[in-house]
Amino acid sequence: MAEFVDGYLIPLGWILAKILAFVIVVVVGAAYLTLAERKVLAAMQMRIGPNVVGLFGLLQPWADAVKNLTKETVVPTGSSPVVFFLAPMISFALAMVAWAVIPVNAGWVIANINVGILYLFAVSSLGVYGVVMAGWSSNSRYAFLGAMRSAAQMVSYEVSIGFVMISVLLTAGSLNLTHIVEAQRGLWFFIPHFPMFIVFFVSVLAETNRHPFDLPEAEAELVAGFMTEYSSMSFALFVLGEYANMIMMSGLISILFLGGWLSPHEMVPHLGFLAPVLGVVPGIIWFALKIMACLFMFIWAKATFPRYRYDQLMRLGWKVFLPLSLVWLLLTAGFLEYTGRVPH
């Protein structure tokens, strides 16, 4: 019995505790990201933003949660109820399971697998199913058009995201996300791969259906796109999934290009004199700050750029980003082979 407890129950309990901690942090972070977005957009547009519920409006996400929990769930006539309710659950669940392989600090990861990038790529590829299921099951032309747009958009930009990831893993010599971060000691990958850093960030905007690529839910054309027929908590799950995906993708950008939890003084030798100051900051704080910087860029793009037309969106993905990322991959492989810097 003691062997069963020590060998199975305690490790299982520890894994479940880590999963619960990640889920709570991500869900609360996604809820407050909605408030941060409204505050930042208000500041950029010279407005006040939410400031009534709680001190400085800090309780606004909880008010929104109570509102969605108490609203009636309306199921459209002629819809497929099982698929209709399964779609937001899938979207939200996929946004959560992606965090299983993302290290937030040295050794702080639920599953430190050697194919972390492939796992993330597979999970992000599944995200389109929730959107397509929502559009098909709603029995609405607006929702169905939004779902079709999303399917084409996600597939288009996943290709360039994949080629950029391959360029990074060639440089690091590993599919393990922890090893990729450790390979950036001395030089973060956004410096040698700066063009791909830009391509990856823009592709992530399209992959997460964020402005200026939010064509699947374009309110000027499709009411609310694939979410048109959703209300109450089913609608809230879609929103939470979208914002949790933003946080996850920002974390992935930090890991692939910005050194993950590494401090800036570990990249720039001339900042070595700041090591006594910067070195005492925990790695998870640096990781969180980099995620916040990426999220600010998400919001900044929403406040700045007009929405693309759909033909412009497709042209950018297939005729610009795809050949650019493929050429960069070939150049990276050739440079590493020619200079003898292929990691072993």
Protein backbone atom coordinates (compact mmCIF):
# COMPACT_ATOMS: atom_id res chain seq x y z
CA MET A 1 0.00 0.00 0.00
CA ALA A 2 2.82 2.37 0.89
CA GLU A 3 4.46 1.69 -2.48
CA PHE A 4 1.18 2.45 -4.25
CA VAL A 5 0.80 5.75 -2.39
CA ASP A 6 4.43 6.81 -2.91
CA GLY A 7 4.73 5.53 -6.46
CA TYR A 8 1.35 6.52 -7.92
CA LEU A 9 -0.93 8.63 -5.73
CA ILE A 10 1.58 11.28 -4.65
CA PRO A 11 3.00 11.85 -8.19
CA LEU A 12 -0.57 11.92 -9.57
CA GLY A 13 -1.63 14.44 -6.92
CA TRP A 14 1.42 16.60 -7.70
CA ILE A 15 0.63 16.56 -11.43
CA LEU A 16 -3.01 17.47 -10.79
CA ALA A 17 -1.92 20.31 -8.47
CA LYS A 18 0.36 21.73 -11.21
CA ILE A 19 -2.43 21.45 -13.79
CA LEU A 20 -4.89 23.21 -11.46
CA ALA A 21 -2.38 26.00 -10.75
CA PHE A 22 -1.77 26.57 -14.47
CA VAL A 23 -5.49 26.56 -15.29
CA ILE A 24 -6.37 29.04 -12.52
CA VAL A 25 -3.57 31.43 -13.49
CA VAL A 26 -4.41 31.28 -17.22
CA VAL A 27 -8.19 31.69 -16.72
CA VAL A 28 -7.80 34.61 -14.31
CA GLY A 29 -5.14 36.10 -16.60
CA ALA A 30 -7.45 35.80 -19.62
CA ALA A 31 -10.28 37.45 -17.66
CA TYR A 32 -8.10 40.38 -16.65
CA LEU A 33 -6.62 40.60 -20.14
CA THR A 34 -10.10 41.66 -21.31
CA LEU A 35 -9.96 44.50 -18.77
CA ALA A 36 -6.40 45.41 -19.76
CA GLU A 37 -7.42 45.54 -23.42
CA ARG A 38 -10.34 47.85 -22.68
CA LYS A 39 -8.12 50.10 -20.53
CA VAL A 40 -5.31 50.29 -23.10
CA LEU A 41 -7.72 50.91 -25.98
CA ALA A 42 -9.43 53.62 -23.94
CA ALA A 43 -6.08 55.31 -23.23
CA MET A 44 -5.08 55.18 -26.90
CA GLN A 45 -8.45 56.65 -27.91
CA MET A 46 -8.44 59.29 -25.12
CA ARG A 47 -11.30 57.67 -23.21
CA ILE A 48 -11.59 56.56 -19.59
CA GLY A 49 -12.52 52.91 -19.97
CA PRO A 50 -14.10 50.70 -17.26
CA ASN A 51 -13.79 52.50 -13.92
CA VAL A 52 -17.06 51.87 -12.05
CA VAL A 53 -16.99 48.27 -10.77
CA GLY A 54 -14.43 48.18 -7.99
CA LEU A 55 -11.36 50.36 -7.49
CA PHE A 56 -10.23 51.61 -10.93
CA GLY A 57 -12.64 49.09 -12.45
CA LEU A 58 -10.60 46.08 -11.24
CA LEU A 59 -13.72 44.02 -10.50
CA GLN A 60 -15.11 44.41 -14.03
CA PRO A 61 -14.07 40.87 -15.13
CA TRP A 62 -15.95 39.39 -12.16
CA ALA A 63 -19.02 41.43 -13.04
CA ASP A 64 -18.82 40.14 -16.61
CA ALA A 65 -18.51 36.58 -15.30
CA VAL A 66 -21.61 36.93 -13.10
CA LYS A 67 -23.54 38.47 -16.00
CA ASN A 68 -22.68 35.58 -18.33
CA LEU A 69 -23.42 32.96 -15.67
CA THR A 70 -26.89 34.36 -15.02
CA LYS A 71 -27.94 34.96 -18.63
CA GLU A 72 -30.19 32.52 -20.46
CA THR A 73 -28.57 30.12 -22.92
CA VAL A 74 -30.44 30.38 -26.22
CA VAL A 75 -30.22 27.47 -28.67
CA PRO A 76 -31.09 28.41 -32.28
CA THR A 77 -33.97 26.64 -33.98
CA GLY A 78 -32.79 23.93 -36.34
CA SER A 79 -29.31 23.78 -34.81
CA SER A 80 -27.42 20.67 -33.71
CA PRO A 81 -27.46 21.04 -29.89
CA VAL A 82 -24.69 18.53 -29.09
CA VAL A 83 -22.22 20.04 -31.56
CA PHE A 84 -23.42 23.55 -30.67
CA PHE A 85 -22.41 23.16 -27.02
CA LEU A 86 -19.34 21.03 -27.74
CA ALA A 87 -17.71 23.71 -29.93
CA PRO A 88 -16.95 26.30 -27.20
CA MET A 89 -15.80 23.52 -24.86
CA ILE A 90 -13.29 22.31 -27.47
CA SER A 91 -12.00 25.83 -28.12
CA PHE A 92 -11.52 26.49 -24.41
CA ALA A 93 -10.00 23.07 -23.67
CA LEU A 94 -7.44 23.35 -26.47
CA ALA A 95 -6.34 26.73 -25.15
CA MET A 96 -5.70 25.07 -21.78
CA VAL A 97 -3.95 21.83 -22.84
CA ALA A 98 -1.35 23.77 -24.84
CA TRP A 99 0.15 24.98 -21.54
CA ALA A 100 1.20 21.41 -20.67
CA VAL A 101 4.58 21.81 -22.42
CA ILE A 102 5.29 25.52 -21.94
CA PRO A 103 8.05 26.13 -19.35
CA VAL A 104 7.50 29.32 -17.35
CA ASN A 105 10.82 29.00 -15.51
CA ALA A 106 13.74 26.60 -15.29
CA GLY A 107 12.12 23.26 -14.41
CA TRP A 108 8.63 24.79 -14.10
CA VAL A 109 6.70 22.80 -16.69
CA ILE A 110 3.97 20.16 -16.46
CA ALA A 111 5.40 17.86 -19.16
CA ASN A 112 8.99 18.46 -20.27
CA ILE A 113 8.73 16.39 -23.45
CA ASN A 114 11.32 16.34 -26.23
CA VAL A 115 8.77 17.15 -28.94
CA GLY A 116 7.20 20.21 -27.31
CA ILE A 117 7.08 22.22 -30.54
CA LEU A 118 5.31 19.42 -32.39
CA TYR A 119 2.80 19.13 -29.54
CA LEU A 120 2.04 22.85 -29.68
CA PHE A 121 1.76 22.81 -33.45
CA ALA A 122 -0.67 19.88 -33.27
CA VAL A 123 -2.82 21.53 -30.58
CA SER A 124 -2.96 24.86 -32.41
CA SER A 125 -3.96 23.04 -35.60
CA LEU A 126 -6.93 21.49 -33.78
CA GLY A 127 -8.23 24.94 -32.81
CA VAL A 128 -10.00 25.32 -36.15
CA TYR A 129 -12.37 22.45 -35.29
CA GLY A 130 -14.11 24.38 -32.51
CA VAL A 131 -14.74 27.32 -34.83
CA VAL A 132 -15.97 25.18 -37.73
CA MET A 133 -18.25 23.17 -35.42
CA ALA A 134 -19.72 26.39 -34.02
CA GLY A 135 -20.41 27.81 -37.47
CA TRP A 136 -21.92 24.61 -38.88
CA SER A 137 -24.10 23.78 -35.86
CA SER A 138 -25.59 27.28 -35.49
CA ASN A 139 -27.84 26.97 -38.57
CA SER A 140 -26.92 30.53 -39.54
CA ARG A 141 -25.39 31.88 -42.73
CA TYR A 142 -23.38 34.50 -40.85
CA ALA A 143 -21.90 31.90 -38.49
CA PHE A 144 -21.16 29.47 -41.31
CA LEU A 145 -19.37 32.11 -43.40
CA GLY A 146 -17.31 33.07 -40.35
CA ALA A 147 -16.37 29.43 -39.79
CA MET A 148 -15.30 28.96 -43.41
CA ARG A 149 -13.20 32.10 -43.25
CA SER A 150 -11.56 30.88 -40.05
CA ALA A 151 -10.73 27.46 -41.48
CA ALA A 152 -8.98 28.97 -44.53
CA GLN A 153 -7.25 31.63 -42.44
CA MET A 154 -5.88 29.29 -39.78
CA VAL A 155 -4.60 26.75 -42.31
CA SER A 156 -2.96 29.49 -44.38
CA TYR A 157 -0.95 31.00 -41.55
CA GLU A 158 -0.08 27.73 -39.79
CA VAL A 159 2.17 26.91 -42.75
CA SER A 160 4.36 29.98 -42.29
CA ILE A 161 4.31 29.52 -38.49
CA GLY A 162 5.60 25.98 -39.00
CA PHE A 163 8.49 27.07 -41.23
CA VAL A 164 9.49 29.78 -38.74
CA MET A 165 9.45 27.22 -35.92
CA ILE A 166 11.69 24.91 -37.95
CA SER A 167 14.19 27.75 -38.49
CA VAL A 168 14.35 28.29 -34.73
CA LEU A 169 14.67 24.61 -33.84
CA LEU A 170 17.46 24.22 -36.42
CA THR A 171 19.33 27.00 -34.64
CA ALA A 172 18.68 25.52 -31.19
CA GLY A 173 19.14 21.89 -32.21
CA SER A 174 16.17 20.64 -30.20
CA LEU A 175 12.38 20.32 -30.22
CA ASN A 176 12.33 20.67 -26.43
CA LEU A 177 11.15 24.14 -25.41
CA THR A 178 13.38 24.22 -22.32
CA HIS A 179 16.44 23.45 -24.46
CA ILE A 180 15.43 26.17 -26.92
CA VAL A 181 15.40 28.72 -24.11
CA GLU A 182 18.76 27.52 -22.77
CA ALA A 183 20.24 27.79 -26.28
CA GLN A 184 19.55 31.53 -26.18
CA ARG A 185 22.02 32.28 -23.39
CA GLY A 186 24.24 34.94 -24.88
CA LEU A 187 22.02 35.75 -27.87
CA TRP A 188 18.22 35.76 -28.05
CA PHE A 189 16.96 34.38 -31.34
CA PHE A 190 14.97 37.50 -32.27
CA ILE A 191 18.29 39.12 -33.27
CA PRO A 192 19.53 36.62 -35.89
CA HIS A 193 15.94 35.74 -36.88
CA PHE A 194 14.46 39.24 -36.72
CA PRO A 195 12.57 39.03 -40.06
CA MET A 196 11.02 35.74 -38.92
CA PHE A 197 10.18 37.31 -35.57
CA ILE A 198 8.02 39.83 -37.43
CA VAL A 199 6.51 37.14 -39.69
CA PHE A 200 5.75 34.95 -36.67
CA PHE A 201 4.11 37.76 -34.71
CA VAL A 202 1.88 38.79 -37.62
CA SER A 203 1.01 35.14 -38.33
CA VAL A 204 0.07 34.69 -34.68
CA LEU A 205 -2.33 37.64 -35.01
CA ALA A 206 -4.00 35.81 -37.90
CA GLU A 207 -3.88 32.42 -36.15
CA THR A 208 -5.67 33.78 -33.08
CA ASN A 209 -8.21 35.74 -35.18
CA ARG A 210 -7.04 39.03 -33.76
CA HIS A 211 -7.32 42.46 -35.37
CA PRO A 212 -6.49 43.35 -38.13
CA PHE A 213 -7.10 39.73 -39.17
CA ASP A 214 -10.36 39.12 -37.25
CA LEU A 215 -12.28 38.32 -40.44
CA PRO A 216 -14.08 35.26 -38.96
CA GLU A 217 -15.98 37.56 -36.57
CA ALA A 218 -16.10 40.76 -38.61
CA GLU A 219 -18.98 42.64 -37.02
CA ALA A 220 -19.39 44.97 -39.99
CA GLU A 221 -20.14 42.05 -42.30
CA LEU A 222 -21.09 38.94 -40.30
CA VAL A 223 -22.70 40.38 -37.11
CA ALA A 224 -20.28 38.39 -34.91
CA GLY A 225 -19.16 35.64 -37.27
CA PHE A 226 -19.06 32.12 -35.87
CA MET A 227 -20.17 33.41 -32.42
CA THR A 228 -23.34 35.11 -33.70
CA GLU A 229 -25.79 32.61 -32.18
CA TYR A 230 -23.96 32.13 -28.87
CA SER A 231 -24.89 33.70 -25.54
CA SER A 232 -24.19 33.41 -21.79
CA MET A 233 -21.37 31.03 -20.77
CA SER A 234 -21.03 29.36 -24.17
CA PHE A 235 -20.12 32.78 -25.58
CA ALA A 236 -17.85 33.43 -22.58
CA LEU A 237 -15.96 30.17 -23.23
CA PHE A 238 -15.16 31.32 -26.76
CA VAL A 239 -13.91 34.66 -25.43
CA LEU A 240 -11.84 33.01 -22.68
CA GLY A 241 -10.40 30.59 -25.22
CA GLU A 242 -9.41 33.44 -27.54
CA TYR A 243 -7.68 35.42 -24.80
CA ALA A 244 -6.05 32.30 -23.33
CA ASN A 245 -4.71 31.58 -26.83
CA MET A 246 -3.30 35.09 -26.95
CA ILE A 247 -1.45 34.48 -23.68
CA MET A 248 -0.22 31.07 -24.87
CA MET A 249 1.03 32.44 -28.18
CA SER A 250 2.74 35.34 -26.39
CA GLY A 251 4.47 32.77 -24.19
CA LEU A 252 5.54 30.86 -27.30
CA ILE A 253 6.94 34.05 -28.86
CA SER A 254 8.87 34.67 -25.63
CA ILE A 255 10.29 31.14 -25.64
CA LEU A 256 11.24 31.00 -29.32
CA PHE A 257 12.64 34.50 -29.75
CA LEU A 258 12.93 36.44 -26.46
CA GLY A 259 14.84 34.04 -24.24
CA GLY A 260 11.90 32.76 -22.20
CA TRP A 261 12.71 33.29 -18.52
CA LEU A 262 16.29 34.48 -19.16
CA SER A 263 17.30 37.89 -17.87
CA PRO A 264 18.48 40.59 -20.33
CA HIS A 265 21.95 40.69 -18.75
CA GLU A 266 22.48 37.09 -19.90
CA MET A 267 22.12 38.24 -23.52
CA VAL A 268 24.19 41.45 -23.56
CA PRO A 269 27.72 41.05 -22.11
CA HIS A 270 27.97 44.81 -21.52
CA LEU A 271 25.10 44.56 -19.04
CA GLY A 272 27.08 42.21 -16.83
CA PHE A 273 27.49 44.96 -14.25
CA LEU A 274 23.70 44.86 -13.79
CA ALA A 275 23.78 41.15 -12.91
CA PRO A 276 23.54 41.80 -9.14
CA VAL A 277 20.31 43.75 -9.79
CA LEU A 278 18.75 41.86 -12.69
CA GLY A 279 19.92 38.48 -11.49
CA VAL A 280 17.81 38.58 -8.33
CA VAL A 281 14.59 38.91 -10.34
CA PRO A 282 13.02 35.42 -10.63
CA GLY A 283 12.88 33.94 -14.11
CA ILE A 284 9.10 33.63 -13.99
CA ILE A 285 8.88 37.43 -13.57
CA TRP A 286 10.96 37.98 -16.72
CA PHE A 287 8.77 35.47 -18.56
CA ALA A 288 5.60 37.26 -17.40
CA LEU A 289 6.99 40.67 -18.40
CA LYS A 290 7.82 39.42 -21.90
CA ILE A 291 4.31 37.96 -22.24
CA MET A 292 2.83 41.31 -21.15
CA ALA A 293 4.95 43.13 -23.74
CA CYS A 294 3.69 40.82 -26.50
CA LEU A 295 0.09 41.21 -25.33
CA PHE A 296 0.48 44.99 -25.41
CA MET A 297 1.57 44.65 -29.04
CA PHE A 298 -1.59 42.62 -29.73
CA ILE A 299 -3.74 45.40 -28.27
CA TRP A 300 -1.69 48.13 -29.95
CA ALA A 301 -2.26 46.50 -33.34
CA LYS A 302 -6.01 46.43 -32.67
CA ALA A 303 -6.05 50.15 -31.91
CA THR A 304 -3.87 51.10 -34.87
CA PHE A 305 -4.59 49.13 -38.04
CA PRO A 306 -7.77 48.88 -40.11
CA ARG A 307 -9.17 45.44 -40.85
CA TYR A 308 -7.78 43.68 -43.92
CA ARG A 309 -9.98 42.56 -46.78
CA TYR A 310 -10.16 38.80 -47.08
CA ASP A 311 -8.28 38.70 -50.39
CA GLN A 312 -5.50 40.80 -48.82
CA LEU A 313 -5.34 38.39 -45.90
CA MET A 314 -4.94 35.36 -48.17
CA ARG A 315 -2.42 37.09 -50.40
CA LEU A 316 -0.25 38.05 -47.42
CA GLY A 317 -0.24 34.50 -46.09
CA TRP A 318 0.36 32.57 -49.32
CA LYS A 319 2.28 35.01 -51.54
CA VAL A 320 4.42 36.84 -48.96
CA PHE A 321 4.86 34.95 -45.69
CA LEU A 322 5.02 31.41 -47.11
CA PRO A 323 7.84 32.02 -49.65
CA LEU A 324 9.65 34.36 -47.23
CA SER A 325 9.64 31.83 -44.38
CA LEU A 326 10.66 29.00 -46.74
CA VAL A 327 13.59 30.98 -48.15
CA TRP A 328 14.68 31.94 -44.62
CA LEU A 329 14.56 28.27 -43.58
CA LEU A 330 16.84 27.31 -46.48
CA LEU A 331 19.21 30.20 -45.70
CA THR A 332 19.34 29.21 -42.04
CA ALA A 333 20.11 25.57 -42.84
CA GLY A 334 22.74 26.58 -45.41
CA PHE A 335 24.42 29.05 -43.05
CA LEU A 336 24.59 26.56 -40.18
CA GLU A 337 26.01 23.86 -42.45
CA TYR A 338 28.52 26.15 -44.19
CA THR A 339 29.86 27.65 -40.93
CA GLY A 340 29.90 24.35 -39.07
CA ARG A 341 27.46 25.57 -36.42
CA VAL A 342 24.90 22.79 -36.77
CA PRO A 343 23.95 21.88 -33.17
CA HIS A 344 24.62 18.28 -32.12
